[in-house]
Amino acid sequence: QSLSTLSVGGSLFFTPRQLYYFINRRLNAKRPDPLKAGGCALLIGGAALTVYLFFSYGGLSFLLLLPLLGVAFGIALLFSRGLRHRLRDHEHGQLLTTPGQVEGWYGHWRKLNDEAVKMLPPPASTPGRKPQAAQINPEVLKYSFDRVVVCDRPEIAQCLIANNFHFEHNCAVLSLDGYPHDIFETVMQMLRRNPDLSVYALHDASPAGVELSHILRTDPRWFADSGANVYDLGLLPRQIFKRQVFVERGGPRAGGAATVVPPHVAATLEPEEVRWLEEGNYVSLESFTPQTLLRVVALGIAKSRDPRAADALVPVTVGDGGGAGIFIYTTDSFG
């Protein structure tokens, strides 16, 4: 059931980490809801008190107002999912199991089932050696892309590529460490030929993640002095402050310790975001399902074409000498 739901009936690939977060979200949903319990208590207690006051004071009285309000609020808590959601905005999801446990459950399921599963293997890496370049038709090399999505981690790039995001949206997909390694240099050569290139940074809400846009616009290996438009699709801390997400400590590359956000990155963030990041908090992109991830990236690219729209991406900083002519955009909503 979980595998089918996560993969949308077997139509989408997903990472092991996405399965881990999905199982935890399911476990969170099965926990008793304290707001519903509170609503039930208010309803019963308020009704009992109303009856008592009614008969004690021989009919209607202003004293009945308070218990009746309690009854009304209890009914709202019981039957209004929207109200419960707003009251829980400040709460974060709890990780009730570990990656090892989920891996064990998945391994047991695989022994009992022969169904094809679209779980992705770890992305191929080439530590310590230069990858062999893929053979590409010379005619293809004459062309370029109008857009490229650069992810801070190869797992996200792998997920987008496996689900044909690059074909459906006519854009390249790369990761900061050069995934997919066998065609990385070739794709970069093609991208640099386009003077009107749009670059989309996609990253975790983490100290390392929020620096991705700066790297893309200032690093010579990427798009320094190229005139490319760089857009930040998120995650940014403000996009998930009041959402029920899995907030963790440390981060994949932080070693569990708090990190100082560089001044040039902190200048693009709100003070609350900087504090949150320097406390060692992070939210992983893999905590979103592949369906949500694909939809949000596609929507972000569409919005970037019209920055004047009310809910579109809006500029937060302009070239500061390290990348003249490059505009950095961000959106205040994710998912």
C-alpha atoms as a PDB file:
ATOM      1  CA  GLN A   1       0.000   0.000   0.000  1.00  0.00           C
ATOM      2  CA  SER A   2       2.707   2.530   0.987  1.00  0.00           C
ATOM      3  CA  LEU A   3       4.900   1.613  -1.993  1.00  0.00           C
ATOM      4  CA  SER A   4       1.987   1.988  -4.388  1.00  0.00           C
ATOM      5  CA  THR A   5       0.913   5.322  -2.908  1.00  0.00           C
ATOM      6  CA  LEU A   6       4.436   6.749  -2.865  1.00  0.00           C
ATOM      7  CA  SER A   7       5.078   5.726  -6.482  1.00  0.00           C
ATOM      8  CA  VAL A   8       1.557   6.795  -7.600  1.00  0.00           C
ATOM      9  CA  GLY A   9       0.545   3.319  -8.622  1.00  0.00           C
ATOM     10  CA  GLY A  10       4.017   2.346  -9.794  1.00  0.00           C
ATOM     11  CA  SER A  11       4.371   5.294 -12.189  1.00  0.00           C
ATOM     12  CA  LEU A  12       7.115   7.237 -10.357  1.00  0.00           C
ATOM     13  CA  PHE A  13      10.581   6.344  -9.117  1.00  0.00           C
ATOM     14  CA  PHE A  14      11.495   7.207  -5.537  1.00  0.00           C
ATOM     15  CA  THR A  15      14.586   7.119  -3.327  1.00  0.00           C
ATOM     16  CA  PRO A  16      15.056   4.943  -0.214  1.00  0.00           C
ATOM     17  CA  ARG A  17      15.049   8.100   1.881  1.00  0.00           C
ATOM     18  CA  GLN A  18      11.719   9.181   0.399  1.00  0.00           C
ATOM     19  CA  LEU A  19      10.283   5.828   1.495  1.00  0.00           C
ATOM     20  CA  TYR A  20      11.705   6.372   4.985  1.00  0.00           C
ATOM     21  CA  TYR A  21      10.014   9.745   5.363  1.00  0.00           C
ATOM     22  CA  PHE A  22       6.781   8.444   3.807  1.00  0.00           C
ATOM     23  CA  ILE A  23       6.560   5.584   6.317  1.00  0.00           C
ATOM     24  CA  ASN A  24       7.135   8.039   9.162  1.00  0.00           C
ATOM     25  CA  ARG A  25       4.383  10.291   7.812  1.00  0.00           C
ATOM     26  CA  ARG A  26       2.034   7.292   7.780  1.00  0.00           C
ATOM     27  CA  LEU A  27       2.996   6.444  11.362  1.00  0.00           C
ATOM     28  CA  ASN A  28       2.372  10.049  12.412  1.00  0.00           C
ATOM     29  CA  ALA A  29      -1.082   9.925  10.828  1.00  0.00           C
ATOM     30  CA  LYS A  30      -1.978   6.826  12.864  1.00  0.00           C
ATOM     31  CA  ARG A  31      -1.116   8.433  16.185  1.00  0.00           C
ATOM     32  CA  PRO A  32      -4.055   9.507  18.374  1.00  0.00           C
ATOM     33  CA  ASP A  33      -4.976  13.104  17.595  1.00  0.00           C
ATOM     34  CA  PRO A  34      -4.834  15.175  20.823  1.00  0.00           C
ATOM     35  CA  LEU A  35      -6.913  17.915  19.199  1.00  0.00           C
ATOM     36  CA  LYS A  36      -9.721  15.466  18.474  1.00  0.00           C
ATOM     37  CA  ALA A  37      -9.502  14.170  22.040  1.00  0.00           C
ATOM     38  CA  GLY A  38      -9.650  17.737  23.308  1.00  0.00           C
ATOM     39  CA  GLY A  39     -12.646  18.467  21.099  1.00  0.00           C
ATOM     40  CA  CYS A  40     -14.459  15.423  22.434  1.00  0.00           C
ATOM     41  CA  ALA A  41     -13.723  16.465  26.030  1.00  0.00           C
ATOM     42  CA  LEU A  42     -14.982  19.999  25.354  1.00  0.00           C
ATOM     43  CA  LEU A  43     -18.141  18.689  23.728  1.00  0.00           C
ATOM     44  CA  ILE A  44     -19.007  16.276  26.537  1.00  0.00           C
ATOM     45  CA  GLY A  45     -17.929  18.597  29.358  1.00  0.00           C
ATOM     46  CA  GLY A  46     -19.630  21.625  27.834  1.00  0.00           C
ATOM     47  CA  ALA A  47     -22.865  19.743  27.192  1.00  0.00           C
ATOM     48  CA  ALA A  48     -22.924  18.383  30.745  1.00  0.00           C
ATOM     49  CA  LEU A  49     -22.262  21.806  32.233  1.00  0.00           C
ATOM     50  CA  THR A  50     -24.931  23.377  30.030  1.00  0.00           C
ATOM     51  CA  VAL A  51     -27.537  20.878  31.212  1.00  0.00           C
ATOM     52  CA  TYR A  52     -26.525  21.385  34.845  1.00  0.00           C
ATOM     53  CA  LEU A  53     -26.710  25.185  34.645  1.00  0.00           C
ATOM     54  CA  PHE A  54     -29.967  25.084  32.724  1.00  0.00           C
ATOM     55  CA  PHE A  55     -31.764  23.095  35.401  1.00  0.00           C
ATOM     56  CA  SER A  56     -29.947  24.755  38.314  1.00  0.00           C
ATOM     57  CA  TYR A  57     -30.976  28.262  37.265  1.00  0.00           C
ATOM     58  CA  GLY A  58     -34.390  27.371  35.911  1.00  0.00           C
ATOM     59  CA  GLY A  59     -33.883  28.167  32.239  1.00  0.00           C
ATOM     60  CA  LEU A  60     -31.761  30.380  30.029  1.00  0.00           C
ATOM     61  CA  SER A  61     -28.986  32.402  31.646  1.00  0.00           C
ATOM     62  CA  PHE A  62     -25.896  34.286  30.569  1.00  0.00           C
ATOM     63  CA  LEU A  63     -24.014  31.616  32.540  1.00  0.00           C
ATOM     64  CA  LEU A  64     -24.817  29.194  29.712  1.00  0.00           C
ATOM     65  CA  LEU A  65     -22.759  31.223  27.237  1.00  0.00           C
ATOM     66  CA  LEU A  66     -19.356  29.846  28.236  1.00  0.00           C
ATOM     67  CA  PRO A  67     -20.237  26.115  28.170  1.00  0.00           C
ATOM     68  CA  LEU A  68     -22.117  26.605  24.889  1.00  0.00           C
ATOM     69  CA  LEU A  69     -19.017  28.197  23.381  1.00  0.00           C
ATOM     70  CA  GLY A  70     -17.040  25.221  24.631  1.00  0.00           C
ATOM     71  CA  VAL A  71     -19.495  22.855  22.953  1.00  0.00           C
ATOM     72  CA  ALA A  72     -19.262  24.796  19.686  1.00  0.00           C
ATOM     73  CA  PHE A  73     -15.446  24.787  19.766  1.00  0.00           C
ATOM     74  CA  GLY A  74     -15.421  21.075  20.596  1.00  0.00           C
ATOM     75  CA  ILE A  75     -17.631  20.327  17.582  1.00  0.00           C
ATOM     76  CA  ALA A  76     -15.347  22.426  15.383  1.00  0.00           C
ATOM     77  CA  LEU A  77     -12.259  20.537  16.595  1.00  0.00           C
ATOM     78  CA  LEU A  78     -13.935  17.201  15.926  1.00  0.00           C
ATOM     79  CA  PHE A  79     -15.237  17.919  12.445  1.00  0.00           C
ATOM     80  CA  SER A  80     -13.040  20.677  10.980  1.00  0.00           C
ATOM     81  CA  ARG A  81      -9.824  19.278   9.576  1.00  0.00           C
ATOM     82  CA  GLY A  82      -8.807  22.776   8.479  1.00  0.00           C
ATOM     83  CA  LEU A  83      -9.036  24.117  12.036  1.00  0.00           C
ATOM     84  CA  ARG A  84      -6.961  21.246  13.402  1.00  0.00           C
ATOM     85  CA  HIS A  85      -4.389  21.823  10.675  1.00  0.00           C
ATOM     86  CA  ARG A  86      -4.075  25.536  11.512  1.00  0.00           C
ATOM     87  CA  LEU A  87      -3.703  24.776  15.214  1.00  0.00           C
ATOM     88  CA  ARG A  88      -0.960  22.262  14.417  1.00  0.00           C
ATOM     89  CA  ASP A  89       0.985  24.613  12.109  1.00  0.00           C
ATOM     90  CA  HIS A  90       3.687  25.083  14.732  1.00  0.00           C
ATOM     91  CA  GLU A  91       4.149  21.329  15.240  1.00  0.00           C
ATOM     92  CA  HIS A  92       6.704  19.281  13.365  1.00  0.00           C
ATOM     93  CA  GLY A  93       6.443  15.677  12.275  1.00  0.00           C
ATOM     94  CA  GLN A  94       8.106  13.097  14.485  1.00  0.00           C
ATOM     95  CA  LEU A  95      10.483  10.487  13.082  1.00  0.00           C
ATOM     96  CA  LEU A  96       9.063   7.421  14.789  1.00  0.00           C
ATOM     97  CA  THR A  97      11.329   4.874  13.105  1.00  0.00           C
ATOM     98  CA  THR A  98      14.869   4.704  11.723  1.00  0.00           C
ATOM     99  CA  PRO A  99      16.195   4.238   8.178  1.00  0.00           C
ATOM    100  CA  GLY A 100      17.523   0.828   9.223  1.00  0.00           C
ATOM    101  CA  GLN A 101      14.094  -0.327  10.383  1.00  0.00           C
ATOM    102  CA  VAL A 102      12.438   0.817   7.173  1.00  0.00           C
ATOM    103  CA  GLU A 103      15.150  -0.911   5.149  1.00  0.00           C
ATOM    104  CA  GLY A 104      14.498  -4.105   7.104  1.00  0.00           C
ATOM    105  CA  TRP A 105      10.743  -3.914   6.531  1.00  0.00           C
ATOM    106  CA  TYR A 106      11.300  -3.291   2.838  1.00  0.00           C
ATOM    107  CA  GLY A 107      13.730  -6.221   2.591  1.00  0.00           C
ATOM    108  CA  HIS A 108      11.202  -8.520   4.276  1.00  0.00           C
ATOM    109  CA  TRP A 109       8.470  -7.328   1.915  1.00  0.00           C
ATOM    110  CA  ARG A 110      10.695  -8.003  -1.088  1.00  0.00           C
ATOM    111  CA  LYS A 111      11.221 -11.595   0.038  1.00  0.00           C
ATOM    112  CA  LEU A 112       7.468 -12.143   0.063  1.00  0.00           C
ATOM    113  CA  ASN A 113       6.605 -10.239  -3.114  1.00  0.00           C
ATOM    114  CA  ASP A 114       7.868 -10.404  -6.667  1.00  0.00           C
ATOM    115  CA  GLU A 115       6.307  -7.118  -7.746  1.00  0.00           C
ATOM    116  CA  ALA A 116       8.446  -4.600  -9.579  1.00  0.00           C
ATOM    117  CA  VAL A 117       9.293  -1.678  -7.290  1.00  0.00           C
ATOM    118  CA  LYS A 118      10.519   1.688  -8.519  1.00  0.00           C
ATOM    119  CA  MET A 119      12.970   2.315  -5.697  1.00  0.00           C
ATOM    120  CA  LEU A 120      16.153   3.907  -6.988  1.00  0.00           C
ATOM    121  CA  PRO A 121      19.589   2.516  -6.098  1.00  0.00           C
ATOM    122  CA  PRO A 122      22.195   4.875  -4.620  1.00  0.00           C
ATOM    123  CA  PRO A 123      23.326   7.298  -7.359  1.00  0.00           C
ATOM    124  CA  ALA A 124      26.441   6.141  -9.157  1.00  0.00           C
ATOM    125  CA  SER A 125      29.521   7.958  -7.889  1.00  0.00           C
ATOM    126  CA  THR A 126      33.073   8.126  -9.104  1.00  0.00           C
ATOM    127  CA  PRO A 127      35.252   8.813  -6.042  1.00  0.00           C
ATOM    128  CA  GLY A 128      38.924   9.109  -6.802  1.00  0.00           C
ATOM    129  CA  ARG A 129      38.695   8.585 -10.544  1.00  0.00           C
ATOM    130  CA  LYS A 130      37.595  10.468 -13.606  1.00  0.00           C
ATOM    131  CA  PRO A 131      34.382   9.040 -15.066  1.00  0.00           C
ATOM    132  CA  GLN A 132      34.414   7.785 -18.627  1.00  0.00           C
ATOM    133  CA  ALA A 133      32.556  10.227 -20.838  1.00  0.00           C
ATOM    134  CA  ALA A 134      29.442   8.894 -22.525  1.00  0.00           C
ATOM    135  CA  GLN A 135      29.426   8.761 -26.314  1.00  0.00           C
ATOM    136  CA  ILE A 136      27.092  11.489 -27.586  1.00  0.00           C
ATOM    137  CA  ASN A 137      26.093  12.130 -31.181  1.00  0.00           C
ATOM    138  CA  PRO A 138      28.097  15.151 -32.440  1.00  0.00           C
ATOM    139  CA  GLU A 139      24.895  16.578 -33.943  1.00  0.00           C
ATOM    140  CA  VAL A 140      23.341  16.731 -30.478  1.00  0.00           C
ATOM    141  CA  LEU A 141      26.307  18.727 -29.177  1.00  0.00           C
ATOM    142  CA  LYS A 142      25.410  21.576 -31.522  1.00  0.00           C
ATOM    143  CA  TYR A 143      22.324  22.289 -29.443  1.00  0.00           C
ATOM    144  CA  SER A 144      21.890  23.691 -25.961  1.00  0.00           C
ATOM    145  CA  PHE A 145      19.257  23.892 -23.224  1.00  0.00           C
ATOM    146  CA  ASP A 146      17.234  26.908 -22.186  1.00  0.00           C
ATOM    147  CA  ARG A 147      17.074  25.702 -18.576  1.00  0.00           C
ATOM    148  CA  VAL A 148      19.020  23.635 -16.080  1.00  0.00           C
ATOM    149  CA  VAL A 149      18.010  22.446 -12.620  1.00  0.00           C
ATOM    150  CA  VAL A 150      21.007  22.062 -10.301  1.00  0.00           C
ATOM    151  CA  CYS A 151      20.412  20.065  -7.113  1.00  0.00           C
ATOM    152  CA  ASP A 152      22.582  20.225  -4.033  1.00  0.00           C
ATOM    153  CA  ARG A 153      22.532  16.416  -3.715  1.00  0.00           C
ATOM    154  CA  PRO A 154      22.766  13.696  -6.395  1.00  0.00           C
ATOM    155  CA  GLU A 155      19.783  11.787  -4.967  1.00  0.00           C
ATOM    156  CA  ILE A 156      17.425  14.605  -5.950  1.00  0.00           C
ATOM    157  CA  ALA A 157      18.932  14.923  -9.433  1.00  0.00           C
ATOM    158  CA  GLN A 158      18.652  11.162  -9.862  1.00  0.00           C
ATOM    159  CA  CYS A 159      14.981  11.238  -8.830  1.00  0.00           C
ATOM    160  CA  LEU A 160      14.140  14.008 -11.320  1.00  0.00           C
ATOM    161  CA  ILE A 161      16.007  12.292 -14.160  1.00  0.00           C
ATOM    162  CA  ALA A 162      14.526   8.852 -13.440  1.00  0.00           C
ATOM    163  CA  ASN A 163      11.048  10.385 -13.610  1.00  0.00           C
ATOM    164  CA  ASN A 164      11.831  12.011 -16.990  1.00  0.00           C
ATOM    165  CA  PHE A 165      11.610  15.569 -15.702  1.00  0.00           C
ATOM    166  CA  HIS A 166      14.353  16.608 -18.140  1.00  0.00           C
ATOM    167  CA  PHE A 167      12.422  15.282 -21.133  1.00  0.00           C
ATOM    168  CA  GLU A 168       9.037  16.665 -20.127  1.00  0.00           C
ATOM    169  CA  HIS A 169      10.397  20.148 -19.415  1.00  0.00           C
ATOM    170  CA  ASN A 170      13.229  20.275 -21.954  1.00  0.00           C
ATOM    171  CA  CYS A 171      15.901  21.080 -19.390  1.00  0.00           C
ATOM    172  CA  ALA A 172      19.128  19.614 -18.101  1.00  0.00           C
ATOM    173  CA  VAL A 173      19.306  18.227 -14.558  1.00  0.00           C
ATOM    174  CA  LEU A 174      22.621  18.125 -12.685  1.00  0.00           C
ATOM    175  CA  SER A 175      23.871  17.957  -9.121  1.00  0.00           C
ATOM    176  CA  LEU A 176      26.475  20.071  -7.390  1.00  0.00           C
ATOM    177  CA  ASP A 177      28.916  17.136  -7.278  1.00  0.00           C
ATOM    178  CA  GLY A 178      28.633  16.559 -11.038  1.00  0.00           C
ATOM    179  CA  TYR A 179      25.918  13.907 -11.330  1.00  0.00           C
ATOM    180  CA  PRO A 180      25.363  12.369 -13.839  1.00  0.00           C
ATOM    181  CA  HIS A 181      29.128  12.144 -14.021  1.00  0.00           C
ATOM    182  CA  ASP A 182      29.513  10.559 -17.441  1.00  0.00           C
ATOM    183  CA  ILE A 183      27.830  13.459 -19.260  1.00  0.00           C
ATOM    184  CA  PHE A 184      28.410  16.328 -16.831  1.00  0.00           C
ATOM    185  CA  GLU A 185      31.196  18.147 -18.696  1.00  0.00           C
ATOM    186  CA  THR A 186      29.445  17.692 -22.018  1.00  0.00           C
ATOM    187  CA  VAL A 187      26.181  19.113 -20.694  1.00  0.00           C
ATOM    188  CA  MET A 188      28.012  22.062 -19.126  1.00  0.00           C
ATOM    189  CA  GLN A 189      29.605  22.880 -22.497  1.00  0.00           C
ATOM    190  CA  MET A 190      26.169  22.851 -24.096  1.00  0.00           C
ATOM    191  CA  LEU A 191      24.710  25.060 -21.349  1.00  0.00           C
ATOM    192  CA  ARG A 192      27.434  27.688 -21.602  1.00  0.00           C
ATOM    193  CA  ARG A 193      26.595  28.209 -25.270  1.00  0.00           C
ATOM    194  CA  ASN A 194      23.201  29.653 -24.356  1.00  0.00           C
ATOM    195  CA  PRO A 195      23.438  33.376 -23.441  1.00  0.00           C
ATOM    196  CA  ASP A 196      19.833  33.340 -22.182  1.00  0.00           C
ATOM    197  CA  LEU A 197      20.217  30.342 -19.885  1.00  0.00           C
ATOM    198  CA  SER A 198      17.973  30.040 -16.815  1.00  0.00           C
ATOM    199  CA  VAL A 199      19.460  28.173 -13.844  1.00  0.00           C
ATOM    200  CA  TYR A 200      17.277  26.763 -11.057  1.00  0.00           C
ATOM    201  CA  ALA A 201      18.816  25.870  -7.699  1.00  0.00           C
ATOM    202  CA  LEU A 202      17.022  23.103  -5.798  1.00  0.00           C
ATOM    203  CA  HIS A 203      18.286  22.273  -2.323  1.00  0.00           C
ATOM    204  CA  ASP A 204      17.573  21.217   1.244  1.00  0.00           C
ATOM    205  CA  ALA A 205      16.703  23.799   3.873  1.00  0.00           C
ATOM    206  CA  SER A 206      20.176  23.490   5.385  1.00  0.00           C
ATOM    207  CA  PRO A 207      23.269  25.695   5.838  1.00  0.00           C
ATOM    208  CA  ALA A 208      24.939  24.017   2.864  1.00  0.00           C
ATOM    209  CA  GLY A 209      21.767  24.029   0.779  1.00  0.00           C
ATOM    210  CA  VAL A 210      20.982  27.744   1.023  1.00  0.00           C
ATOM    211  CA  GLU A 211      24.476  28.530  -0.306  1.00  0.00           C
ATOM    212  CA  LEU A 212      23.809  26.746  -3.597  1.00  0.00           C
ATOM    213  CA  SER A 213      22.581  29.819  -5.501  1.00  0.00           C
ATOM    214  CA  HIS A 214      25.684  31.775  -4.496  1.00  0.00           C
ATOM    215  CA  ILE A 215      27.927  28.948  -5.680  1.00  0.00           C
ATOM    216  CA  LEU A 216      26.165  28.720  -9.027  1.00  0.00           C
ATOM    217  CA  ARG A 217      26.524  32.427  -9.762  1.00  0.00           C
ATOM    218  CA  THR A 218      30.124  32.908  -8.518  1.00  0.00           C
ATOM    219  CA  ASP A 219      31.980  29.622  -9.103  1.00  0.00           C
ATOM    220  CA  PRO A 220      33.859  29.494 -12.446  1.00  0.00           C
ATOM    221  CA  ARG A 221      33.022  25.804 -12.705  1.00  0.00           C
ATOM    222  CA  TRP A 222      29.396  26.836 -12.920  1.00  0.00           C
ATOM    223  CA  PHE A 223      28.029  30.136 -14.229  1.00  0.00           C
ATOM    224  CA  ALA A 224      30.262  32.941 -12.942  1.00  0.00           C
ATOM    225  CA  ASP A 225      30.200  35.952 -15.305  1.00  0.00           C
ATOM    226  CA  SER A 226      27.995  34.043 -17.734  1.00  0.00           C
ATOM    227  CA  GLY A 227      24.957  36.337 -17.569  1.00  0.00           C
ATOM    228  CA  ALA A 228      22.711  33.407 -16.634  1.00  0.00           C
ATOM    229  CA  ASN A 229      19.579  34.045 -14.583  1.00  0.00           C
ATOM    230  CA  VAL A 230      19.769  32.066 -11.342  1.00  0.00           C
ATOM    231  CA  TYR A 231      16.538  31.208  -9.532  1.00  0.00           C
ATOM    232  CA  ASP A 232      16.292  29.686  -6.073  1.00  0.00           C
ATOM    233  CA  LEU A 233      13.448  27.149  -5.981  1.00  0.00           C
ATOM    234  CA  GLY A 234      14.075  26.286  -2.313  1.00  0.00           C
ATOM    235  CA  LEU A 235      13.842  24.825   0.202  1.00  0.00           C
ATOM    236  CA  LEU A 236      14.266  27.965   2.302  1.00  0.00           C
ATOM    237  CA  PRO A 237      13.549  27.964   6.041  1.00  0.00           C
ATOM    238  CA  ARG A 238      10.714  30.492   5.747  1.00  0.00           C
ATOM    239  CA  GLN A 239       8.925  28.190   3.332  1.00  0.00           C
ATOM    240  CA  ILE A 240       8.510  25.511   5.992  1.00  0.00           C
ATOM    241  CA  PHE A 241       8.472  27.395   9.326  1.00  0.00           C
ATOM    242  CA  LYS A 242       4.755  26.797   9.932  1.00  0.00           C
ATOM    243  CA  ARG A 243       4.365  23.510   8.127  1.00  0.00           C
ATOM    244  CA  GLN A 244       4.191  19.980   9.420  1.00  0.00           C
ATOM    245  CA  VAL A 245       7.569  18.849   8.143  1.00  0.00           C
ATOM    246  CA  PHE A 246      10.340  16.678   9.527  1.00  0.00           C
ATOM    247  CA  VAL A 247      12.844  19.062  11.091  1.00  0.00           C
ATOM    248  CA  GLU A 248      16.125  17.318  11.878  1.00  0.00           C
ATOM    249  CA  ARG A 249      19.384  18.361  13.450  1.00  0.00           C
ATOM    250  CA  GLY A 250      22.777  18.584  11.816  1.00  0.00           C
ATOM    251  CA  GLY A 251      22.091  17.737   8.195  1.00  0.00           C
ATOM    252  CA  PRO A 252      23.722  15.354   5.713  1.00  0.00           C
ATOM    253  CA  ARG A 253      26.909  17.444   5.522  1.00  0.00           C
ATOM    254  CA  ALA A 254      26.955  19.271   8.818  1.00  0.00           C
ATOM    255  CA  GLY A 255      28.212  16.428  10.976  1.00  0.00           C
ATOM    256  CA  GLY A 256      25.520  17.058  13.576  1.00  0.00           C
ATOM    257  CA  ALA A 257      26.993  20.416  14.594  1.00  0.00           C
ATOM    258  CA  ALA A 258      25.688  23.937  14.298  1.00  0.00           C
ATOM    259  CA  THR A 259      27.016  25.878  11.321  1.00  0.00           C
ATOM    260  CA  VAL A 260      27.724  29.550  10.780  1.00  0.00           C
ATOM    261  CA  VAL A 261      25.869  30.838   7.729  1.00  0.00           C
ATOM    262  CA  PRO A 262      28.293  32.869   5.560  1.00  0.00           C
ATOM    263  CA  PRO A 263      27.544  36.620   5.555  1.00  0.00           C
ATOM    264  CA  HIS A 264      26.887  36.731   1.803  1.00  0.00           C
ATOM    265  CA  VAL A 265      24.203  34.053   2.231  1.00  0.00           C
ATOM    266  CA  ALA A 266      22.792  35.463   5.479  1.00  0.00           C
ATOM    267  CA  ALA A 267      22.203  38.771   3.670  1.00  0.00           C
ATOM    268  CA  THR A 268      19.591  37.047   1.466  1.00  0.00           C
ATOM    269  CA  LEU A 269      17.756  35.488   4.427  1.00  0.00           C
ATOM    270  CA  GLU A 270      15.595  36.762   7.246  1.00  0.00           C
ATOM    271  CA  PRO A 271      17.210  36.902  10.740  1.00  0.00           C
ATOM    272  CA  GLU A 272      14.892  34.134  11.955  1.00  0.00           C
ATOM    273  CA  GLU A 273      16.037  31.905   9.107  1.00  0.00           C
ATOM    274  CA  VAL A 274      19.696  32.482   9.916  1.00  0.00           C
ATOM    275  CA  ARG A 275      19.122  31.625  13.594  1.00  0.00           C
ATOM    276  CA  TRP A 276      17.224  28.490  12.641  1.00  0.00           C
ATOM    277  CA  LEU A 277      20.001  27.292  10.357  1.00  0.00           C
ATOM    278  CA  GLU A 278      22.821  28.115  12.770  1.00  0.00           C
ATOM    279  CA  GLU A 279      21.060  26.059  15.441  1.00  0.00           C
ATOM    280  CA  GLY A 280      21.773  23.067  13.199  1.00  0.00           C
ATOM    281  CA  ASN A 281      18.227  22.554  11.877  1.00  0.00           C
ATOM    282  CA  TYR A 282      17.499  21.233   8.416  1.00  0.00           C
ATOM    283  CA  VAL A 283      14.656  19.836   6.326  1.00  0.00           C
ATOM    284  CA  SER A 284      15.468  17.414   3.530  1.00  0.00           C
ATOM    285  CA  LEU A 285      13.950  17.639   0.053  1.00  0.00           C
ATOM    286  CA  GLU A 286      13.576  13.871   0.209  1.00  0.00           C
ATOM    287  CA  SER A 287      10.938  14.303   2.909  1.00  0.00           C
ATOM    288  CA  PHE A 288       8.628  15.292   0.036  1.00  0.00           C
ATOM    289  CA  THR A 289       7.150  12.609  -2.216  1.00  0.00           C
ATOM    290  CA  PRO A 290       8.394  12.396  -5.819  1.00  0.00           C
ATOM    291  CA  GLN A 291       4.986  13.590  -7.046  1.00  0.00           C
ATOM    292  CA  THR A 292       5.175  16.711  -4.860  1.00  0.00           C
ATOM    293  CA  LEU A 293       8.795  17.342  -5.817  1.00  0.00           C
ATOM    294  CA  LEU A 294       8.092  17.133  -9.547  1.00  0.00           C
ATOM    295  CA  ARG A 295       5.046  19.389  -9.247  1.00  0.00           C
ATOM    296  CA  VAL A 296       6.830  22.055  -7.197  1.00  0.00           C
ATOM    297  CA  VAL A 297       9.858  22.236  -9.490  1.00  0.00           C
ATOM    298  CA  ALA A 298       7.641  22.452 -12.577  1.00  0.00           C
ATOM    299  CA  LEU A 299       5.556  25.182 -10.936  1.00  0.00           C
ATOM    300  CA  GLY A 300       8.664  27.098  -9.873  1.00  0.00           C
ATOM    301  CA  ILE A 301      10.009  27.082 -13.425  1.00  0.00           C
ATOM    302  CA  ALA A 302       6.661  28.276 -14.761  1.00  0.00           C
ATOM    303  CA  LYS A 303       6.463  31.079 -12.184  1.00  0.00           C
ATOM    304  CA  SER A 304       9.982  32.276 -12.949  1.00  0.00           C
ATOM    305  CA  ARG A 305       8.851  33.295 -16.418  1.00  0.00           C
ATOM    306  CA  ASP A 306       6.592  35.971 -14.917  1.00  0.00           C
ATOM    307  CA  PRO A 307       8.218  37.499 -11.791  1.00  0.00           C
ATOM    308  CA  ARG A 308       5.569  40.259 -11.757  1.00  0.00           C
ATOM    309  CA  ALA A 309       2.773  37.848 -10.817  1.00  0.00           C
ATOM    310  CA  ALA A 310       1.579  38.199  -7.232  1.00  0.00           C
ATOM    311  CA  ASP A 311       2.506  34.677  -6.240  1.00  0.00           C
ATOM    312  CA  ALA A 312       5.521  34.324  -8.502  1.00  0.00           C
ATOM    313  CA  LEU A 313       9.171  34.262  -7.697  1.00  0.00           C
ATOM    314  CA  VAL A 314      10.428  37.662  -6.580  1.00  0.00           C
ATOM    315  CA  PRO A 315      13.995  39.078  -6.650  1.00  0.00           C
ATOM    316  CA  VAL A 316      15.792  39.107  -3.312  1.00  0.00           C
ATOM    317  CA  THR A 317      19.190  40.326  -4.504  1.00  0.00           C
ATOM    318  CA  VAL A 318      20.907  41.473  -7.673  1.00  0.00           C
ATOM    319  CA  GLY A 319      24.478  40.953  -8.841  1.00  0.00           C
ATOM    320  CA  ASP A 320      26.919  42.306  -6.258  1.00  0.00           C
ATOM    321  CA  GLY A 321      30.118  42.336  -8.271  1.00  0.00           C
ATOM    322  CA  GLY A 322      30.664  38.602  -8.013  1.00  0.00           C
ATOM    323  CA  GLY A 323      28.130  37.895 -10.702  1.00  0.00           C
ATOM    324  CA  ALA A 324      27.108  41.012 -12.549  1.00  0.00           C
ATOM    325  CA  GLY A 325      23.909  40.719 -14.525  1.00  0.00           C
ATOM    326  CA  ILE A 326      22.729  37.681 -12.560  1.00  0.00           C
ATOM    327  CA  PHE A 327      19.426  37.835 -10.724  1.00  0.00           C
ATOM    328  CA  ILE A 328      18.601  35.638  -7.749  1.00  0.00           C
ATOM    329  CA  TYR A 329      14.950  34.803  -7.178  1.00  0.00           C
ATOM    330  CA  THR A 330      13.094  32.955  -4.477  1.00  0.00           C
ATOM    331  CA  THR A 331       9.527  31.921  -3.744  1.00  0.00           C
ATOM    332  CA  ASP A 332       7.820  32.108  -0.373  1.00  0.00           C
ATOM    333  CA  SER A 333       5.845  28.896  -0.768  1.00  0.00           C
ATOM    334  CA  PHE A 334       6.945  25.339  -1.329  1.00  0.00           C
ATOM    335  CA  GLY A 335       4.602  22.445  -1.945  1.00  0.00           C
END
